[in-house]
Amino acid sequence: MRRIVVLLTVWILGVTMAAGCGDHDESGGPSGTLPDGPIVIGMAIARSGFAAPYDLGPARGAELAVADLNAHGGVLGHQLELKYGDTKSDRALGTTVGLDLLSHGAKVMVVTCDFDLGSPAAIASTSKKVVAVSPCAGSSQFDVPTLGPLAYSMGTKSAAGAMNVAQFAYDKGYRKAFLWLDPSITHTKETCAAFESQFGAQPQAKVVGTETIQQNDASFAGQVARLRESGADVLELCSYNPGAATALRQLRAAGVDIPVVSNISMDGNYWLQSVPNLKNFYYDAFGSLYGGDPRADVNEFFTRYQAKFGEPAVTSYALTGYATIQMIAKAIETAHTTDGAALAKAIDGLGSYETIAGPVGFSATQHIVTDRPAVIMGVDGGRISPVAMYAGGRKIVKG
């Protein structure tokens, strides 16, 4: 605990000290433009509905980062302030919420951890020349070609996460994979495609079948039967909750106990009670919520999170919420303004920037994290623990 406080203090003081020098031009006036009073960061996220568990952690992580910064003078002498709007997990509300926050002074926008749900608020913001950041959207569409030069994601690209999971499955000795694809969001489609490519490229490995599943499916009997017939020794579940938990429950109830690998959407234990005594289940995460992460700072962060909010983090996405504020603050410090174009230029120029969630780096043409270390989490009898760490499709730490 003491180590993370010291590290955060050193980093924060670096920003605060920078506020005392270099923030004026030679004429003695301020260089760039910052608003009078606090710098408002809009939070156009899901505070209710099915996406709320994914957005809660990043929001609280952001609150921790803002508190740390403000305790040491803010950014360039300005306090940071978060203002919330609830999209209610409804894509149609994203634009309305985003525009409302802009009307209340938001100078940067944080949006939901998903392209489909977060892009409306992002577009509303960037259309007004305001930078928008998703703490953890993984879709490749959350990038410059689709959303333009003012939108960013601090999430790991879906394909990069799937490559790590596919290599983990292969390293475990599995050679015949079956895919269950939920096509309802871009992230899951890209996850299955990347898993198939990475796994199928390994010696003696192949994908032996694919089935489509839907969030509202009440029965998976047909998919289970075809999985049995395939002879697969591992199932890749490209879905998210609540549908993914329903599919897992029916799979295990049918007596199929082959290992299942999945994606970062399954992070957290809030859904585990619906699949009693689940085992042989694996997914990638930004870090371990349950201790045992190979990085001491990550373990200390989640201890601090629980002390602050009186309960454990729901997902490891809290790390990217903190990291998002780190990145925004550093960019404002560099640009001396919240003007969208200048702030984006500063972000693109940060290079490989170290955050609590690992290194991130952007360029003028790439605004999503293409690679960072991922912890592979294993579920055994309802207990979750880290089993390995991968980056770039290769193992870097054994659990």
Protein backbone atom coordinates (compact mmCIF):
# COMPACT_ATOMS: atom_id res chain seq x y z
CA MET A 1 0.00 0.00 0.00
CA ARG A 2 2.79 2.43 0.91
CA ARG A 3 4.59 1.74 -2.37
CA ILE A 4 1.68 2.69 -4.61
CA VAL A 5 1.02 5.86 -2.60
CA VAL A 6 4.68 6.85 -2.97
CA LEU A 7 4.66 6.12 -6.71
CA LEU A 8 1.44 8.00 -7.25
CA THR A 9 2.73 10.92 -5.21
CA VAL A 10 5.95 11.09 -7.24
CA TRP A 11 4.00 11.05 -10.51
CA ILE A 12 1.43 13.58 -9.30
CA LEU A 13 4.09 15.91 -7.92
CA GLY A 14 5.80 15.81 -11.31
CA VAL A 15 2.61 17.15 -12.88
CA THR A 16 2.10 19.69 -10.11
CA MET A 17 5.69 20.97 -10.31
CA ALA A 18 5.25 21.39 -14.07
CA ALA A 19 2.29 23.64 -13.30
CA GLY A 20 4.65 26.02 -11.57
CA CYS A 21 6.96 26.49 -14.55
CA GLY A 22 6.51 26.80 -18.27
CA ASP A 23 2.78 27.58 -18.19
CA HIS A 24 3.32 31.19 -19.25
CA ASP A 25 4.65 32.60 -22.47
CA GLU A 26 7.45 35.20 -22.62
CA SER A 27 4.98 38.07 -22.28
CA GLY A 28 3.89 36.73 -18.91
CA GLY A 29 0.45 35.62 -20.07
CA PRO A 30 -0.83 32.03 -20.10
CA SER A 31 0.16 29.89 -23.07
CA GLY A 32 -2.82 28.00 -24.47
CA THR A 33 -6.26 28.25 -22.97
CA LEU A 34 -7.74 26.59 -19.92
CA PRO A 35 -11.16 27.28 -18.44
CA ASP A 36 -11.54 29.42 -15.35
CA GLY A 37 -12.12 27.21 -12.33
CA PRO A 38 -12.04 23.41 -12.48
CA ILE A 39 -11.44 21.38 -15.61
CA VAL A 40 -14.66 19.40 -16.08
CA ILE A 41 -14.44 15.84 -17.41
CA GLY A 42 -17.79 14.50 -18.59
CA MET A 43 -18.64 10.89 -17.72
CA ALA A 44 -21.15 9.70 -20.33
CA ILE A 45 -21.35 6.15 -19.05
CA ALA A 46 -23.80 3.44 -18.04
CA ARG A 47 -24.72 3.83 -14.37
CA SER A 48 -27.66 1.44 -14.79
CA GLY A 49 -28.55 -1.42 -17.12
CA PHE A 50 -26.48 -4.40 -18.27
CA ALA A 51 -23.35 -2.34 -19.04
CA ALA A 52 -23.17 -0.75 -15.59
CA PRO A 53 -20.83 -3.42 -14.11
CA TYR A 54 -18.35 -2.68 -16.91
CA ASP A 55 -18.47 1.11 -16.38
CA LEU A 56 -18.56 1.19 -12.55
CA GLY A 57 -14.93 0.23 -12.04
CA PRO A 58 -13.48 2.69 -14.56
CA ALA A 59 -15.59 5.48 -13.07
CA ARG A 60 -14.33 4.76 -9.58
CA GLY A 61 -10.78 4.38 -10.85
CA ALA A 62 -11.16 7.82 -12.42
CA GLU A 63 -12.42 9.19 -9.11
CA LEU A 64 -9.34 7.87 -7.34
CA ALA A 65 -7.05 9.46 -9.91
CA VAL A 66 -8.87 12.80 -9.73
CA ALA A 67 -8.66 12.76 -5.92
CA ASP A 68 -4.92 12.06 -6.07
CA LEU A 69 -4.30 14.84 -8.56
CA ASN A 70 -6.46 17.40 -6.79
CA ALA A 71 -4.79 16.64 -3.45
CA HIS A 72 -1.54 17.80 -5.02
CA GLY A 73 -2.75 20.94 -6.75
CA GLY A 74 -4.58 19.56 -9.76
CA VAL A 75 -3.27 20.05 -13.29
CA LEU A 76 -1.53 23.33 -14.09
CA GLY A 77 -3.14 24.78 -10.99
CA HIS A 78 -6.65 23.69 -11.96
CA GLN A 79 -8.68 21.13 -10.03
CA LEU A 80 -10.30 18.32 -12.01
CA GLU A 81 -14.04 17.68 -11.67
CA LEU A 82 -16.05 14.68 -12.90
CA LYS A 83 -19.65 15.25 -14.00
CA TYR A 84 -21.83 12.20 -14.63
CA GLY A 85 -24.61 11.39 -17.05
CA ASP A 86 -26.32 7.99 -17.17
CA THR A 87 -26.72 6.42 -20.62
CA LYS A 88 -28.66 3.56 -18.97
CA SER A 89 -26.86 1.05 -21.24
CA ASP A 90 -28.97 2.45 -24.08
CA ARG A 91 -27.10 3.36 -27.26
CA ALA A 92 -29.84 5.80 -28.23
CA LEU A 93 -29.21 7.87 -25.09
CA GLY A 94 -25.49 8.30 -25.70
CA THR A 95 -25.81 11.36 -27.91
CA THR A 96 -28.26 13.07 -25.56
CA VAL A 97 -26.14 12.44 -22.48
CA GLY A 98 -22.97 13.54 -24.21
CA LEU A 99 -24.46 16.79 -25.45
CA ASP A 100 -25.95 17.51 -22.03
CA LEU A 101 -22.57 17.12 -20.34
CA LEU A 102 -20.98 19.39 -22.93
CA SER A 103 -23.61 22.01 -22.17
CA HIS A 104 -22.57 21.78 -18.52
CA GLY A 105 -18.95 22.57 -19.28
CA ALA A 106 -17.28 19.24 -20.05
CA LYS A 107 -13.91 19.83 -21.74
CA VAL A 108 -13.03 16.14 -22.16
CA MET A 109 -15.48 13.23 -22.35
CA VAL A 110 -15.17 9.72 -20.93
CA VAL A 111 -17.55 7.23 -22.55
CA THR A 112 -18.72 3.63 -22.08
CA CYS A 113 -16.35 0.67 -22.38
CA ASP A 114 -17.79 -0.56 -25.68
CA PHE A 115 -17.80 0.77 -29.22
CA ASP A 116 -21.49 0.15 -29.86
CA LEU A 117 -22.59 1.83 -26.62
CA GLY A 118 -19.85 4.41 -26.27
CA SER A 119 -19.53 5.74 -29.82
CA PRO A 120 -22.70 7.92 -29.81
CA ALA A 121 -21.42 10.01 -26.89
CA ALA A 122 -17.95 10.03 -28.42
CA ILE A 123 -19.31 11.33 -31.73
CA ALA A 124 -21.39 13.96 -29.94
CA SER A 125 -18.23 15.16 -28.21
CA THR A 126 -15.83 15.08 -31.15
CA SER A 127 -18.37 16.90 -33.32
CA LYS A 128 -17.96 19.77 -30.85
CA LYS A 129 -14.14 19.50 -31.03
CA VAL A 130 -13.89 17.81 -27.63
CA VAL A 131 -11.63 14.79 -27.05
CA ALA A 132 -13.49 11.60 -26.06
CA VAL A 133 -11.88 8.60 -24.35
CA SER A 134 -13.25 5.14 -23.61
CA PRO A 135 -11.36 3.56 -20.71
CA CYS A 136 -11.63 0.06 -22.10
CA ALA A 137 -13.44 -0.34 -25.45
CA GLY A 138 -11.72 -3.13 -27.38
CA SER A 139 -13.30 -2.88 -30.82
CA SER A 140 -10.95 -1.88 -33.63
CA GLN A 141 -13.64 0.57 -34.69
CA PHE A 142 -12.85 2.73 -31.67
CA ASP A 143 -10.07 4.29 -33.68
CA VAL A 144 -9.27 7.06 -36.12
CA PRO A 145 -10.75 5.56 -39.33
CA THR A 146 -14.21 5.24 -37.75
CA LEU A 147 -14.42 7.94 -35.08
CA GLY A 148 -11.90 10.49 -36.25
CA PRO A 149 -8.80 12.07 -34.69
CA LEU A 150 -10.34 13.14 -31.36
CA ALA A 151 -11.56 9.74 -30.08
CA TYR A 152 -9.37 7.34 -28.09
CA SER A 153 -9.67 4.02 -26.29
CA MET A 154 -7.47 3.03 -23.38
CA GLY A 155 -8.73 -0.53 -23.83
CA THR A 156 -6.71 -3.30 -25.42
CA LYS A 157 -7.77 -4.04 -28.97
CA SER A 158 -10.09 -7.05 -29.03
CA ALA A 159 -7.90 -8.95 -31.46
CA ALA A 160 -4.83 -8.50 -29.25
CA GLY A 161 -6.65 -9.93 -26.24
CA ALA A 162 -7.95 -12.87 -28.26
CA MET A 163 -4.46 -13.65 -29.54
CA ASN A 164 -3.23 -13.97 -25.97
CA VAL A 165 -6.13 -16.25 -25.00
CA ALA A 166 -5.67 -18.40 -28.12
CA GLN A 167 -1.97 -18.85 -27.42
CA PHE A 168 -2.72 -19.68 -23.80
CA ALA A 169 -5.20 -22.36 -24.95
CA TYR A 170 -2.61 -23.84 -27.28
CA ASP A 171 0.10 -23.74 -24.60
CA LYS A 172 -2.27 -25.66 -22.31
CA GLY A 173 -2.22 -28.49 -24.84
CA TYR A 174 -5.59 -27.97 -26.53
CA ARG A 175 -5.63 -28.70 -30.25
CA LYS A 176 -9.29 -28.73 -31.35
CA ALA A 177 -11.24 -25.56 -30.67
CA PHE A 178 -14.95 -24.91 -31.16
CA LEU A 179 -16.29 -21.34 -31.30
CA TRP A 180 -19.54 -19.99 -29.88
CA LEU A 181 -20.01 -16.56 -31.41
CA ASP A 182 -22.40 -13.92 -30.10
CA PRO A 183 -22.55 -11.42 -33.01
CA SER A 184 -24.48 -8.73 -31.14
CA ILE A 185 -21.48 -6.40 -30.62
CA THR A 186 -18.32 -5.69 -32.58
CA HIS A 187 -16.02 -6.76 -29.75
CA THR A 188 -17.23 -10.36 -29.70
CA LYS A 189 -17.09 -10.72 -33.48
CA GLU A 190 -13.51 -9.47 -33.56
CA THR A 191 -12.61 -11.71 -30.62
CA CYS A 192 -13.75 -14.88 -32.36
CA ALA A 193 -12.08 -13.92 -35.64
CA ALA A 194 -8.72 -13.25 -33.97
CA PHE A 195 -8.90 -16.38 -31.82
CA GLU A 196 -9.58 -18.51 -34.90
CA SER A 197 -6.67 -16.95 -36.78
CA GLN A 198 -4.15 -17.28 -33.95
CA PHE A 199 -5.17 -20.75 -32.76
CA GLY A 200 -5.53 -22.18 -36.25
CA ALA A 201 -2.03 -21.02 -37.19
CA GLN A 202 -0.41 -23.23 -34.53
CA PRO A 203 1.03 -26.66 -35.42
CA GLN A 204 -1.54 -29.50 -35.21
CA ALA A 205 -4.23 -27.06 -34.05
CA LYS A 206 -7.51 -26.33 -35.80
CA VAL A 207 -10.94 -24.85 -35.27
CA VAL A 208 -13.40 -27.73 -35.72
CA GLY A 209 -16.65 -25.77 -35.76
CA THR A 210 -18.51 -22.54 -35.10
CA GLU A 211 -22.01 -21.91 -33.76
CA THR A 212 -23.91 -18.65 -33.37
CA ILE A 213 -25.44 -17.83 -29.99
CA GLN A 214 -27.60 -14.88 -29.01
CA GLN A 215 -28.00 -12.87 -25.83
CA ASN A 216 -31.68 -13.76 -25.60
CA ASP A 217 -31.34 -17.49 -26.32
CA ALA A 218 -33.32 -19.55 -23.81
CA SER A 219 -31.88 -22.90 -24.89
CA PHE A 220 -28.47 -23.97 -26.15
CA ALA A 221 -29.32 -27.63 -26.69
CA GLY A 222 -28.50 -27.55 -30.40
CA GLN A 223 -25.20 -25.79 -29.90
CA VAL A 224 -24.25 -28.21 -27.12
CA ALA A 225 -25.06 -31.23 -29.29
CA ARG A 226 -22.93 -29.99 -32.17
CA LEU A 227 -20.09 -29.18 -29.80
CA ARG A 228 -20.19 -32.77 -28.50
CA GLU A 229 -20.14 -34.16 -32.03
CA SER A 230 -17.13 -32.06 -33.03
CA GLY A 231 -14.65 -33.74 -30.71
CA ALA A 232 -13.38 -30.36 -29.57
CA ASP A 233 -11.13 -30.23 -26.50
CA VAL A 234 -11.69 -26.50 -25.81
CA LEU A 235 -14.55 -24.05 -26.36
CA GLU A 236 -13.94 -20.38 -27.15
CA LEU A 237 -16.92 -18.38 -25.85
CA CYS A 238 -17.11 -15.05 -27.69
CA SER A 239 -19.89 -13.45 -25.69
CA TYR A 240 -20.65 -11.28 -22.67
CA ASN A 241 -23.06 -11.29 -19.75
CA PRO A 242 -25.81 -12.02 -19.07
CA GLY A 243 -25.99 -14.27 -22.16
CA ALA A 244 -22.54 -15.80 -21.67
CA ALA A 245 -23.37 -16.95 -18.13
CA THR A 246 -26.60 -18.51 -19.39
CA ALA A 247 -24.70 -20.39 -22.07
CA LEU A 248 -22.10 -21.61 -19.57
CA ARG A 249 -24.76 -22.76 -17.13
CA GLN A 250 -26.53 -24.84 -19.77
CA LEU A 251 -23.25 -26.24 -21.07
CA ARG A 252 -22.22 -27.52 -17.66
CA ALA A 253 -25.76 -28.69 -16.82
CA ALA A 254 -25.60 -30.83 -19.96
CA GLY A 255 -22.54 -32.57 -18.55
CA VAL A 256 -20.02 -31.01 -20.93
CA ASP A 257 -16.96 -30.19 -18.85
CA ILE A 258 -14.34 -29.37 -21.49
CA PRO A 259 -12.28 -26.24 -20.78
CA VAL A 260 -13.81 -22.93 -21.87
CA VAL A 261 -11.80 -19.85 -22.73
CA SER A 262 -13.35 -16.43 -23.18
CA ASN A 263 -12.59 -12.71 -23.22
CA ILE A 264 -12.21 -9.72 -20.94
CA SER A 265 -15.99 -9.16 -20.91
CA MET A 266 -16.16 -12.03 -18.40
CA ASP A 267 -13.90 -10.29 -15.91
CA GLY A 268 -15.19 -10.20 -12.34
CA ASN A 269 -17.16 -12.58 -10.14
CA TYR A 270 -20.53 -10.76 -10.08
CA TRP A 271 -22.01 -13.40 -12.42
CA LEU A 272 -20.44 -16.56 -10.98
CA GLN A 273 -23.31 -17.46 -8.66
CA SER A 274 -25.40 -18.20 -11.76
CA VAL A 275 -22.93 -20.96 -12.73
CA PRO A 276 -22.32 -22.84 -9.44
CA ASN A 277 -18.91 -24.47 -8.95
CA LEU A 278 -17.66 -23.45 -12.37
CA LYS A 279 -14.21 -24.76 -13.23
CA ASN A 280 -11.93 -25.04 -16.27
CA PHE A 281 -12.86 -21.53 -17.34
CA TYR A 282 -10.33 -18.89 -18.40
CA TYR A 283 -10.36 -15.29 -19.61
CA ASP A 284 -7.98 -12.36 -20.01
CA ALA A 285 -8.03 -9.31 -17.74
CA PHE A 286 -6.17 -6.04 -17.21
CA GLY A 287 -5.14 -7.31 -13.79
CA SER A 288 -6.16 -9.60 -10.94
CA LEU A 289 -8.84 -8.33 -8.58
CA TYR A 290 -8.12 -11.15 -6.16
CA GLY A 291 -4.44 -10.69 -5.36
CA GLY A 292 -1.59 -12.65 -6.85
CA ASP A 293 -1.09 -10.33 -9.81
CA PRO A 294 2.57 -10.46 -10.92
CA ARG A 295 2.70 -6.66 -10.47
CA ALA A 296 2.77 -5.44 -6.88
CA ASP A 297 1.37 -2.03 -7.84
CA VAL A 298 -1.75 -3.64 -9.28
CA ASN A 299 -2.36 -5.64 -6.10
CA GLU A 300 -1.90 -2.49 -4.03
CA PHE A 301 -4.24 -0.51 -6.28
CA PHE A 302 -7.12 -2.92 -5.69
CA THR A 303 -6.45 -2.90 -1.94
CA ARG A 304 -6.71 0.86 -2.04
CA TYR A 305 -9.86 0.70 -4.16
CA GLN A 306 -11.61 -1.51 -1.61
CA ALA A 307 -10.56 0.72 1.27
CA LYS A 308 -11.94 3.78 -0.53
CA PHE A 309 -15.29 2.38 -1.71
CA GLY A 310 -15.98 -0.23 0.96
CA GLU A 311 -16.21 -3.10 -1.51
CA PRO A 312 -13.95 -4.85 -4.00
CA ALA A 313 -13.77 -3.68 -7.59
CA VAL A 314 -16.28 -5.42 -9.84
CA THR A 315 -13.84 -5.77 -12.75
CA SER A 316 -10.21 -4.98 -13.47
CA TYR A 317 -11.44 -2.17 -15.73
CA ALA A 318 -10.92 0.10 -12.72
CA LEU A 319 -7.26 0.16 -13.68
CA THR A 320 -8.02 1.73 -17.05
CA GLY A 321 -10.27 4.34 -15.43
CA TYR A 322 -7.33 5.54 -13.36
CA ALA A 323 -5.04 5.29 -16.38
CA THR A 324 -7.46 7.37 -18.47
CA ILE A 325 -7.21 10.29 -16.05
CA GLN A 326 -3.42 9.88 -15.90
CA MET A 327 -3.26 10.19 -19.66
CA ILE A 328 -5.71 13.11 -19.88
CA ALA A 329 -3.87 15.01 -17.15
CA LYS A 330 -0.48 14.48 -18.77
CA ALA A 331 -1.84 15.63 -22.13
CA ILE A 332 -3.38 18.79 -20.63
CA GLU A 333 -0.10 19.50 -18.87
CA THR A 334 1.70 19.13 -22.20
CA ALA A 335 -0.78 21.07 -24.35
CA HIS A 336 -1.65 23.76 -21.79
CA THR A 337 -5.17 23.64 -23.17
CA THR A 338 -8.26 21.47 -23.43
CA ASP A 339 -8.77 22.45 -27.06
CA GLY A 340 -9.53 19.22 -28.89
CA ALA A 341 -6.99 19.41 -31.70
CA ALA A 342 -4.14 20.53 -29.46
CA LEU A 343 -5.00 17.97 -26.78
CA ALA A 344 -5.11 15.16 -29.36
CA LYS A 345 -1.70 16.24 -30.68
CA ALA A 346 -0.34 16.07 -27.15
CA ILE A 347 -1.79 12.60 -26.58
CA ASP A 348 -0.35 11.36 -29.86
CA GLY A 349 3.05 12.75 -28.88
CA LEU A 350 3.30 11.12 -25.44
CA GLY A 351 5.02 8.05 -26.85
CA SER A 352 4.98 4.90 -24.74
CA TYR A 353 3.43 6.32 -21.58
CA GLU A 354 3.46 4.23 -18.41
CA THR A 355 0.19 4.03 -16.49
CA ILE A 356 -1.20 1.92 -13.67
CA ALA A 357 -2.71 -0.32 -16.39
CA GLY A 358 0.61 -0.74 -18.18
CA PRO A 359 2.21 1.14 -21.07
CA VAL A 360 0.02 2.87 -23.64
CA GLY A 361 1.00 4.68 -26.80
CA PHE A 362 -0.89 6.40 -29.58
CA SER A 363 -0.09 8.03 -32.90
CA ALA A 364 -1.95 10.28 -35.32
CA THR A 365 -3.34 7.18 -37.06
CA GLN A 366 -3.83 4.76 -34.16
CA HIS A 367 -5.99 5.63 -31.14
CA ILE A 368 -6.49 2.28 -29.42
CA VAL A 369 -4.01 0.26 -27.36
CA THR A 370 -2.71 -2.50 -29.62
CA ASP A 371 -0.72 -4.37 -27.02
CA ARG A 372 -0.26 -4.46 -23.26
CA PRO A 373 0.30 -7.27 -20.76
CA ALA A 374 -2.82 -9.34 -20.02
CA VAL A 375 -3.32 -11.55 -17.00
CA ILE A 376 -5.03 -14.84 -17.78
CA MET A 377 -7.49 -15.60 -14.99
CA GLY A 378 -8.66 -19.12 -14.18
CA VAL A 379 -11.90 -20.14 -12.46
CA ASP A 380 -11.81 -23.34 -10.40
CA GLY A 381 -14.74 -24.27 -8.19
CA GLY A 382 -15.97 -20.70 -8.26
CA ARG A 383 -12.60 -19.30 -7.13
CA ILE A 384 -10.72 -16.95 -9.48
CA SER A 385 -6.96 -16.54 -9.57
CA PRO A 386 -4.26 -15.49 -12.06
CA VAL A 387 -2.60 -18.36 -13.90
CA ALA A 388 -0.27 -16.65 -16.38
CA MET A 389 0.54 -13.36 -18.10
CA TYR A 390 0.71 -12.90 -21.85
CA ALA A 391 1.61 -10.05 -24.17
CA GLY A 392 1.74 -9.97 -27.96
CA GLY A 393 0.52 -13.57 -28.19
CA ARG A 394 3.27 -15.04 -26.06
CA LYS A 395 3.66 -16.01 -22.42
CA ILE A 396 5.73 -13.57 -20.37
CA VAL A 397 4.92 -14.70 -16.80
CA LYS A 398 3.87 -18.15 -15.64
CA GLY A 399 1.32 -18.27 -12.82
